[in-house]
């Protein structure tokens, strides 16, 4: 279930960035928090941004 929640959170975050509602710095910080929160096995491999 964590994998699904991780994927959905990252997808929403990417949409915010694409629409320039958040900066790249904010994107990187939030992405890091998402990876920590959901503690997935595949998440860090799929989108290693920092």
PDB file of N, CA and C in Angstrom:
ATOM      1  N   UNK A   1       0.824  -1.189   0.000  1.00  0.00           N
ATOM      2  CA  UNK A   1       0.000   0.000   0.000  1.00  0.00           C
ATOM      3  C   UNK A   1       0.874   1.261   0.000  1.00  0.00           C
ATOM      4  N   UNK A   2       2.027   1.201   0.683  1.00  0.00           N
ATOM      5  CA  UNK A   2       2.933   2.346   0.689  1.00  0.00           C
ATOM      6  C   UNK A   2       3.404   2.704  -0.724  1.00  0.00           C
ATOM      7  N   UNK A   3       3.619   1.692  -1.550  1.00  0.00           N
ATOM      8  CA  UNK A   3       4.059   1.952  -2.927  1.00  0.00           C
ATOM      9  C   UNK A   3       3.011   2.766  -3.679  1.00  0.00           C
ATOM     10  N   UNK A   4       1.752   2.419  -3.504  1.00  0.00           N
ATOM     11  CA  UNK A   4       0.669   3.136  -4.171  1.00  0.00           C
ATOM     12  C   UNK A   4       0.590   4.574  -3.672  1.00  0.00           C
ATOM     13  N   UNK A   5       0.622   4.758  -2.366  1.00  0.00           N
ATOM     14  CA  UNK A   5       0.560   6.105  -1.797  1.00  0.00           C
ATOM     15  C   UNK A   5       1.759   6.942  -2.236  1.00  0.00           C
ATOM     16  N   UNK A   6       2.916   6.320  -2.263  1.00  0.00           N
ATOM     17  CA  UNK A   6       4.120   7.012  -2.726  1.00  0.00           C
ATOM     18  C   UNK A   6       3.939   7.483  -4.165  1.00  0.00           C
ATOM     19  N   UNK A   7       3.485   6.583  -5.005  1.00  0.00           N
ATOM     20  CA  UNK A   7       3.316   6.896  -6.424  1.00  0.00           C
ATOM     21  C   UNK A   7       2.319   8.046  -6.614  1.00  0.00           C
ATOM     22  N   UNK A   8       1.214   8.012  -5.899  1.00  0.00           N
ATOM     23  CA  UNK A   8       0.204   9.067  -6.017  1.00  0.00           C
ATOM     24  C   UNK A   8       0.739  10.408  -5.529  1.00  0.00           C
ATOM     25  N   UNK A   9       1.455  10.401  -4.424  1.00  0.00           N
ATOM     26  CA  UNK A   9       2.023  11.641  -3.885  1.00  0.00           C
ATOM     27  C   UNK A   9       3.047  12.226  -4.853  1.00  0.00           C
ATOM     28  N   UNK A  10       3.905  11.394  -5.420  1.00  0.00           N
ATOM     29  CA  UNK A  10       4.906  11.870  -6.381  1.00  0.00           C
ATOM     30  C   UNK A  10       4.234  12.409  -7.635  1.00  0.00           C
ATOM     31  N   UNK A  11       3.183  11.750  -8.074  1.00  0.00           N
ATOM     32  CA  UNK A  11       2.475  12.199  -9.278  1.00  0.00           C
ATOM     33  C   UNK A  11       1.853  13.582  -9.047  1.00  0.00           C
ATOM     34  N   UNK A  12       1.250  13.780  -7.884  1.00  0.00           N
ATOM     35  CA  UNK A  12       0.671  15.088  -7.563  1.00  0.00           C
ATOM     36  C   UNK A  12       1.763  16.145  -7.460  1.00  0.00           C
ATOM     37  N   UNK A  13       2.879  15.781  -6.864  1.00  0.00           N
ATOM     38  CA  UNK A  13       3.997  16.709  -6.720  1.00  0.00           C
ATOM     39  C   UNK A  13       4.538  17.112  -8.088  1.00  0.00           C
ATOM     40  N   UNK A  14       4.663  16.157  -8.985  1.00  0.00           N
ATOM     41  CA  UNK A  14       5.150  16.450 -10.329  1.00  0.00           C
ATOM     42  C   UNK A  14       4.184  17.385 -11.065  1.00  0.00           C
ATOM     43  N   UNK A  15       2.906  17.195 -10.852  1.00  0.00           N
ATOM     44  CA  UNK A  15       1.901  18.064 -11.488  1.00  0.00           C
ATOM     45  C   UNK A  15       2.041  19.498 -10.974  1.00  0.00           C
ATOM     46  N   UNK A  16       2.255  19.656  -9.666  1.00  0.00           N
ATOM     47  CA  UNK A  16       2.455  20.988  -9.099  1.00  0.00           C
ATOM     48  C   UNK A  16       3.673  21.663  -9.722  1.00  0.00           C
ATOM     49  N   UNK A  17       4.730  20.902  -9.917  1.00  0.00           N
ATOM     50  CA  UNK A  17       5.954  21.452 -10.502  1.00  0.00           C
ATOM     51  C   UNK A  17       5.750  21.814 -11.969  1.00  0.00           C
ATOM     52  N   UNK A  18       5.079  20.936 -12.701  1.00  0.00           N
ATOM     53  CA  UNK A  18       4.821  21.189 -14.121  1.00  0.00           C
ATOM     54  C   UNK A  18       4.015  22.476 -14.318  1.00  0.00           C
ATOM     55  N   UNK A  19       3.095  22.733 -13.412  1.00  0.00           N
ATOM     56  CA  UNK A  19       2.261  23.935 -13.509  1.00  0.00           C
ATOM     57  C   UNK A  19       2.923  25.138 -12.843  1.00  0.00           C
ATOM     58  N   UNK A  20       4.178  24.957 -12.437  1.00  0.00           N
ATOM     59  CA  UNK A  20       4.986  26.003 -11.814  1.00  0.00           C
ATOM     60  C   UNK A  20       4.320  26.615 -10.581  1.00  0.00           C
ATOM     61  N   UNK A  21       3.627  25.776  -9.823  1.00  0.00           N
ATOM     62  CA  UNK A  21       3.017  26.217  -8.571  1.00  0.00           C
ATOM     63  C   UNK A  21       3.991  26.101  -7.406  1.00  0.00           C
ATOM     64  N   UNK A  22       5.070  25.335  -7.619  1.00  0.00           N
ATOM     65  CA  UNK A  22       6.148  25.221  -6.637  1.00  0.00           C
ATOM     66  C   UNK A  22       7.481  25.332  -7.368  1.00  0.00           C
ATOM     67  N   UNK A  23       8.502  25.772  -6.660  1.00  0.00           N
ATOM     68  CA  UNK A  23       9.836  25.905  -7.253  1.00  0.00           C
ATOM     69  C   UNK A  23      10.541  24.544  -7.286  1.00  0.00           C
ATOM     70  N   UNK A  24      11.656  24.493  -8.006  1.00  0.00           N
ATOM     71  CA  UNK A  24      12.434  23.253  -8.056  1.00  0.00           C
ATOM     72  C   UNK A  24      12.958  22.899  -6.666  1.00  0.00           C
ATOM     73  N   UNK A  25      13.367  23.897  -5.916  1.00  0.00           N
ATOM     74  CA  UNK A  25      13.853  23.662  -4.555  1.00  0.00           C
ATOM     75  C   UNK A  25      12.751  23.070  -3.671  1.00  0.00           C
ATOM     76  N   UNK A  26      11.554  23.618  -3.767  1.00  0.00           N
ATOM     77  CA  UNK A  26      10.425  23.084  -2.998  1.00  0.00           C
ATOM     78  C   UNK A  26      10.110  21.659  -3.436  1.00  0.00           C
ATOM     79  N   UNK A  27      10.162  21.432  -4.749  1.00  0.00           N
ATOM     80  CA  UNK A  27       9.919  20.102  -5.288  1.00  0.00           C
ATOM     81  C   UNK A  27      10.891  19.088  -4.697  1.00  0.00           C
ATOM     82  N   UNK A  28      12.182  19.448  -4.690  1.00  0.00           N
ATOM     83  CA  UNK A  28      13.207  18.543  -4.168  1.00  0.00           C
ATOM     84  C   UNK A  28      13.000  18.255  -2.683  1.00  0.00           C
ATOM     85  N   UNK A  29      12.671  19.285  -1.917  1.00  0.00           N
ATOM     86  CA  UNK A  29      12.458  19.108  -0.474  1.00  0.00           C
ATOM     87  C   UNK A  29      11.244  18.221  -0.201  1.00  0.00           C
ATOM     88  N   UNK A  30      10.157  18.476  -0.907  1.00  0.00           N
ATOM     89  CA  UNK A  30       8.933  17.699  -0.693  1.00  0.00           C
ATOM     90  C   UNK A  30       9.133  16.262  -1.150  1.00  0.00           C
ATOM     91  N   UNK A  31       9.831  16.079  -2.265  1.00  0.00           N
ATOM     92  CA  UNK A  31      10.095  14.734  -2.766  1.00  0.00           C
ATOM     93  C   UNK A  31      10.881  13.920  -1.739  1.00  0.00           C
ATOM     94  N   UNK A  32      11.856  14.555  -1.133  1.00  0.00           N
ATOM     95  CA  UNK A  32      12.648  13.878  -0.093  1.00  0.00           C
ATOM     96  C   UNK A  32      11.763  13.477   1.087  1.00  0.00           C
ATOM     97  N   UNK A  33      10.877  14.367   1.486  1.00  0.00           N
ATOM     98  CA  UNK A  33       9.958  14.064   2.595  1.00  0.00           C
ATOM     99  C   UNK A  33       9.012  12.919   2.241  1.00  0.00           C
ATOM    100  N   UNK A  34       8.554  12.905   1.005  1.00  0.00           N
ATOM    101  CA  UNK A  34       7.657  11.832   0.555  1.00  0.00           C
ATOM    102  C   UNK A  34       8.371  10.484   0.639  1.00  0.00           C
ATOM    103  N   UNK A  35       9.630  10.446   0.163  1.00  0.00           N
ATOM    104  CA  UNK A  35      10.389   9.187   0.218  1.00  0.00           C
ATOM    105  C   UNK A  35      10.592   8.719   1.659  1.00  0.00           C
ATOM    106  N   UNK A  36      10.838   9.670   2.564  1.00  0.00           N
ATOM    107  CA  UNK A  36      11.016   9.310   3.974  1.00  0.00           C
ATOM    108  C   UNK A  36       9.705   8.825   4.584  1.00  0.00           C
ATOM    109  N   UNK A  37       8.632   9.516   4.275  1.00  0.00           N
ATOM    110  CA  UNK A  37       7.318   9.199   4.857  1.00  0.00           C
ATOM    111  C   UNK A  37       6.847   7.802   4.471  1.00  0.00           C
ATOM    112  N   UNK A  38       6.923   7.490   3.187  1.00  0.00           N
ATOM    113  CA  UNK A  38       6.370   6.225   2.724  1.00  0.00           C
ATOM    114  C   UNK A  38       7.360   5.076   2.773  1.00  0.00           C
ATOM    115  N   UNK A  39       8.645   5.361   2.893  1.00  0.00           N
ATOM    116  CA  UNK A  39       9.657   4.327   3.086  1.00  0.00           C
ATOM    117  C   UNK A  39       9.439   3.124   2.172  1.00  0.00           C
ATOM    118  N   UNK A  40       9.417   3.380   0.875  1.00  0.00           N
ATOM    119  CA  UNK A  40       9.170   2.317  -0.091  1.00  0.00           C
ATOM    120  C   UNK A  40      10.474   1.681  -0.553  1.00  0.00           C
ATOM    121  N   UNK A  41      10.350   0.514  -1.145  1.00  0.00           N
ATOM    122  CA  UNK A  41      11.520  -0.153  -1.702  1.00  0.00           C
ATOM    123  C   UNK A  41      11.804   0.354  -3.109  1.00  0.00           C
ATOM    124  N   UNK A  42      10.766   0.544  -3.908  1.00  0.00           N
ATOM    125  CA  UNK A  42      10.948   0.922  -5.304  1.00  0.00           C
ATOM    126  C   UNK A  42      11.005   2.432  -5.501  1.00  0.00           C
ATOM    127  N   UNK A  43      10.399   3.203  -4.630  1.00  0.00           N
ATOM    128  CA  UNK A  43      10.336   4.653  -4.774  1.00  0.00           C
ATOM    129  C   UNK A  43      11.660   5.316  -5.047  1.00  0.00           C
ATOM    130  N   UNK A  44      12.664   5.125  -4.189  1.00  0.00           N
ATOM    131  CA  UNK A  44      13.959   5.767  -4.424  1.00  0.00           C
ATOM    132  C   UNK A  44      14.622   5.343  -5.726  1.00  0.00           C
ATOM    133  N   UNK A  45      14.370   4.132  -6.155  1.00  0.00           N
ATOM    134  CA  UNK A  45      14.955   3.651  -7.406  1.00  0.00           C
ATOM    135  C   UNK A  45      14.287   4.289  -8.608  1.00  0.00           C
ATOM    136  N   UNK A  46      12.988   4.538  -8.486  1.00  0.00           N
ATOM    137  CA  UNK A  46      12.226   5.071  -9.611  1.00  0.00           C
ATOM    138  C   UNK A  46      12.453   6.559  -9.816  1.00  0.00           C
ATOM    139  N   UNK A  47      12.762   7.289  -8.763  1.00  0.00           N
ATOM    140  CA  UNK A  47      12.908   8.734  -8.939  1.00  0.00           C
ATOM    141  C   UNK A  47      13.928   9.291  -7.952  1.00  0.00           C
ATOM    142  N   UNK A  48      15.162   8.961  -8.143  1.00  0.00           N
ATOM    143  CA  UNK A  48      16.228   9.448  -7.287  1.00  0.00           C
ATOM    144  C   UNK A  48      16.588  10.866  -7.700  1.00  0.00           C
ATOM    145  N   UNK A  49      16.087  11.868  -6.929  1.00  0.00           N
ATOM    146  CA  UNK A  49      16.264  13.263  -7.284  1.00  0.00           C
ATOM    147  C   UNK A  49      17.266  13.974  -6.416  1.00  0.00           C
ATOM    148  N   UNK A  50      17.689  13.386  -5.304  1.00  0.00           N
ATOM    149  CA  UNK A  50      18.663  14.065  -4.445  1.00  0.00           C
ATOM    150  C   UNK A  50      19.602  13.066  -3.807  1.00  0.00           C
TER     151      UNK A  50
END
